[in-house]
Amino acid sequence: MNPQISQISQIGSEGDPRTYAIIGAAMEVHRELGGGFLESVYQEALAFELAARDVPYRREVALPILYKGRELDARFRADFVCFDAVIVELKALGDVSGRERVQVINYLKATSLEVGLFINFGASSLKYERLVLTKDNRSPQSAESAKSADSVPPKTGVHRRR
């Protein structure tokens, strides 16, 4: 079976408190700092905010890459892994291409994790996107482009296609 990626920007009403908490922390960082800082500044501020909200996280996590069942010496380095389940990749770019999103997709493919958040602090309002890896042969669920965080995100969940 080939893994498929679903980009989720609007989610159902069941709720996923993990991604909701991470996005809320990122919104607070962006409200305080605005745009224009380097990614490292946002990363440090987000670590502070996650800790303040009791969100368990690991920072600068080396992710193993498997090739034909063998672990390679090469590693990806995720900005955060929260709740030991959600990969969080940060950027501070004025304009985002698909290239940055592919980075999160590759992180999900290389690990057994299913959920990733791509968060961009570089615009005038915070932009984020949820990415979900599904392990079936159905086509990826379509979604809108990255969400703008002008308002608090709905307390919603992540749909997984099975």
Protein backbone atom coordinates (compact mmCIF):
# COMPACT_ATOMS: atom_id res chain seq x y z
CA MET A 1 0.00 0.00 0.00
CA ASN A 2 1.22 3.47 -0.85
CA PRO A 3 0.92 6.21 1.76
CA GLN A 4 -1.21 9.14 0.74
CA ILE A 5 -1.12 12.69 2.03
CA SER A 6 -4.23 14.64 2.89
CA GLN A 7 -3.95 18.36 3.39
CA ILE A 8 -6.51 19.36 5.96
CA SER A 9 -7.39 23.00 6.45
CA GLN A 10 -10.93 22.70 7.75
CA ILE A 11 -11.67 19.78 10.02
CA GLY A 12 -14.78 18.15 11.48
CA SER A 13 -16.33 18.85 14.86
CA GLU A 14 -14.84 15.93 16.87
CA GLY A 15 -11.80 17.97 17.88
CA ASP A 16 -8.08 17.32 18.03
CA PRO A 17 -6.85 19.07 21.15
CA ARG A 18 -3.21 18.43 20.19
CA THR A 19 -3.13 20.42 16.96
CA TYR A 20 -5.55 22.97 18.40
CA ALA A 21 -3.15 23.62 21.31
CA ILE A 22 -0.11 23.92 19.02
CA ILE A 23 -1.86 26.32 16.62
CA GLY A 24 -3.14 28.38 19.55
CA ALA A 25 0.40 28.69 20.91
CA ALA A 26 1.68 29.73 17.47
CA MET A 27 -1.06 32.35 17.22
CA GLU A 28 -0.01 33.82 20.56
CA VAL A 29 3.61 34.01 19.40
CA HIS A 30 2.57 35.75 16.19
CA ARG A 31 0.30 38.16 18.10
CA GLU A 32 3.23 39.13 20.34
CA LEU A 33 6.02 39.28 17.75
CA GLY A 34 4.27 39.89 14.44
CA GLY A 35 6.18 39.14 11.23
CA GLY A 36 9.76 39.94 10.28
CA PHE A 37 11.89 37.92 12.68
CA LEU A 38 14.13 35.00 11.82
CA GLU A 39 12.76 31.47 12.15
CA SER A 40 15.03 30.84 15.16
CA VAL A 41 13.28 33.64 17.09
CA TYR A 42 9.85 32.14 16.44
CA GLN A 43 11.14 28.69 17.34
CA GLU A 44 12.43 29.87 20.71
CA ALA A 45 9.25 31.85 21.42
CA LEU A 46 7.06 28.88 20.44
CA ALA A 47 9.04 26.60 22.78
CA PHE A 48 8.35 29.08 25.59
CA GLU A 49 4.64 29.22 24.70
CA LEU A 50 4.27 25.44 24.38
CA ALA A 51 5.85 24.97 27.81
CA ALA A 52 3.58 27.64 29.30
CA ARG A 53 0.58 25.70 27.96
CA ASP A 54 1.87 22.32 29.19
CA VAL A 55 2.20 21.02 25.63
CA PRO A 56 4.80 18.23 25.64
CA TYR A 57 7.40 18.79 22.95
CA ARG A 58 10.87 17.92 21.76
CA ARG A 59 12.83 20.50 19.79
CA GLU A 60 15.18 19.96 16.83
CA VAL A 61 14.32 16.27 16.66
CA ALA A 62 16.51 14.09 14.42
CA LEU A 63 14.18 11.84 12.43
CA PRO A 64 15.56 8.58 11.04
CA ILE A 65 15.11 7.77 7.36
CA LEU A 66 14.49 4.19 6.31
CA TYR A 67 15.49 2.83 2.92
CA LYS A 68 14.41 -0.72 2.11
CA GLY A 69 14.04 -1.45 5.79
CA ARG A 70 17.45 -0.10 6.76
CA GLU A 71 18.09 3.09 8.68
CA LEU A 72 20.26 5.59 6.79
CA ASP A 73 22.89 7.76 8.46
CA ALA A 74 21.14 10.81 6.97
CA ARG A 75 18.51 12.44 9.17
CA PHE A 76 15.75 14.98 8.84
CA ARG A 77 15.58 17.52 11.65
CA ALA A 78 12.05 18.56 12.63
CA ASP A 79 11.63 21.85 14.44
CA PHE A 80 9.29 20.22 16.98
CA VAL A 81 7.60 16.94 17.69
CA CYS A 82 4.70 17.59 20.07
CA PHE A 83 2.83 14.97 22.07
CA ASP A 84 5.24 12.42 20.51
CA ALA A 85 2.75 12.41 17.62
CA VAL A 86 2.68 15.72 15.71
CA ILE A 87 5.56 17.01 13.59
CA VAL A 88 5.71 20.81 13.56
CA GLU A 89 7.75 22.63 10.93
CA LEU A 90 8.21 26.39 11.20
CA LYS A 91 9.08 28.95 8.55
CA ALA A 92 9.39 32.74 8.55
CA LEU A 93 8.87 33.47 4.86
CA GLY A 94 6.93 36.24 3.14
CA ASP A 95 5.87 33.86 0.39
CA VAL A 96 5.63 30.09 0.63
CA SER A 97 6.03 27.64 -2.23
CA GLY A 98 5.05 23.97 -2.28
CA ARG A 99 8.69 23.14 -1.51
CA GLU A 100 8.31 23.94 2.19
CA ARG A 101 5.15 21.84 2.45
CA VAL A 102 6.94 18.90 0.83
CA GLN A 103 9.43 19.02 3.71
CA VAL A 104 6.66 18.13 6.18
CA ILE A 105 5.33 15.44 3.83
CA ASN A 106 8.79 13.86 3.69
CA TYR A 107 9.04 13.96 7.48
CA LEU A 108 5.74 12.10 7.74
CA LYS A 109 6.79 9.55 5.13
CA ALA A 110 10.10 8.93 6.93
CA THR A 111 8.47 8.33 10.31
CA SER A 112 5.50 6.41 11.62
CA LEU A 113 3.79 9.68 12.53
CA GLU A 114 0.58 10.64 10.72
CA VAL A 115 0.03 14.33 11.55
CA GLY A 116 2.15 17.34 10.65
CA LEU A 117 1.70 21.07 11.02
CA PHE A 118 3.35 23.54 8.69
CA ILE A 119 3.37 27.00 10.31
CA ASN A 120 4.60 30.16 8.61
CA PHE A 121 5.21 33.22 10.79
CA GLY A 122 6.55 35.40 7.94
CA ALA A 123 3.31 36.91 6.66
CA SER A 124 1.25 39.68 8.25
CA SER A 125 -1.03 36.99 9.67
CA LEU A 126 0.00 33.51 10.79
CA LYS A 127 -0.45 30.81 8.15
CA TYR A 128 -0.74 27.16 9.01
CA GLU A 129 -1.65 23.90 7.37
CA ARG A 130 -2.38 20.46 8.77
CA LEU A 131 -1.03 17.53 6.81
CA VAL A 132 -2.18 13.98 7.47
CA LEU A 133 -0.51 10.84 6.18
CA THR A 134 -2.92 8.04 5.41
CA LYS A 135 -1.82 4.52 4.67
CA ASP A 136 -4.31 3.44 2.04
CA ASN A 137 -4.67 3.57 -1.70
CA ARG A 138 -7.42 6.17 -1.85
CA SER A 139 -6.61 9.52 -3.36
CA PRO A 140 -5.64 12.31 -0.96
CA GLN A 141 -8.45 14.38 0.48
CA SER A 142 -8.43 17.78 -1.16
CA ALA A 143 -8.21 20.93 0.87
CA GLU A 144 -7.99 24.68 0.59
CA SER A 145 -4.65 26.44 0.62
CA ALA A 146 -3.04 27.22 3.95
CA LYS A 147 -5.27 28.77 6.58
CA SER A 148 -4.83 32.29 7.75
CA ALA A 149 -4.96 32.71 11.49
CA ASP A 150 -6.75 36.04 11.65
CA SER A 151 -9.13 34.40 14.07
CA VAL A 152 -8.83 31.59 16.58
CA PRO A 153 -9.02 28.19 14.84
CA PRO A 154 -12.12 26.15 15.46
CA LYS A 155 -11.56 23.42 18.03
CA THR A 156 -11.61 20.64 15.51
CA GLY A 157 -10.10 17.27 14.73
CA VAL A 158 -8.03 15.67 12.04
CA HIS A 159 -9.76 13.29 9.68
CA ARG A 160 -7.86 10.21 8.64
CA ARG A 161 -8.90 8.23 5.63
CA ARG A 162 -8.74 4.51 6.28
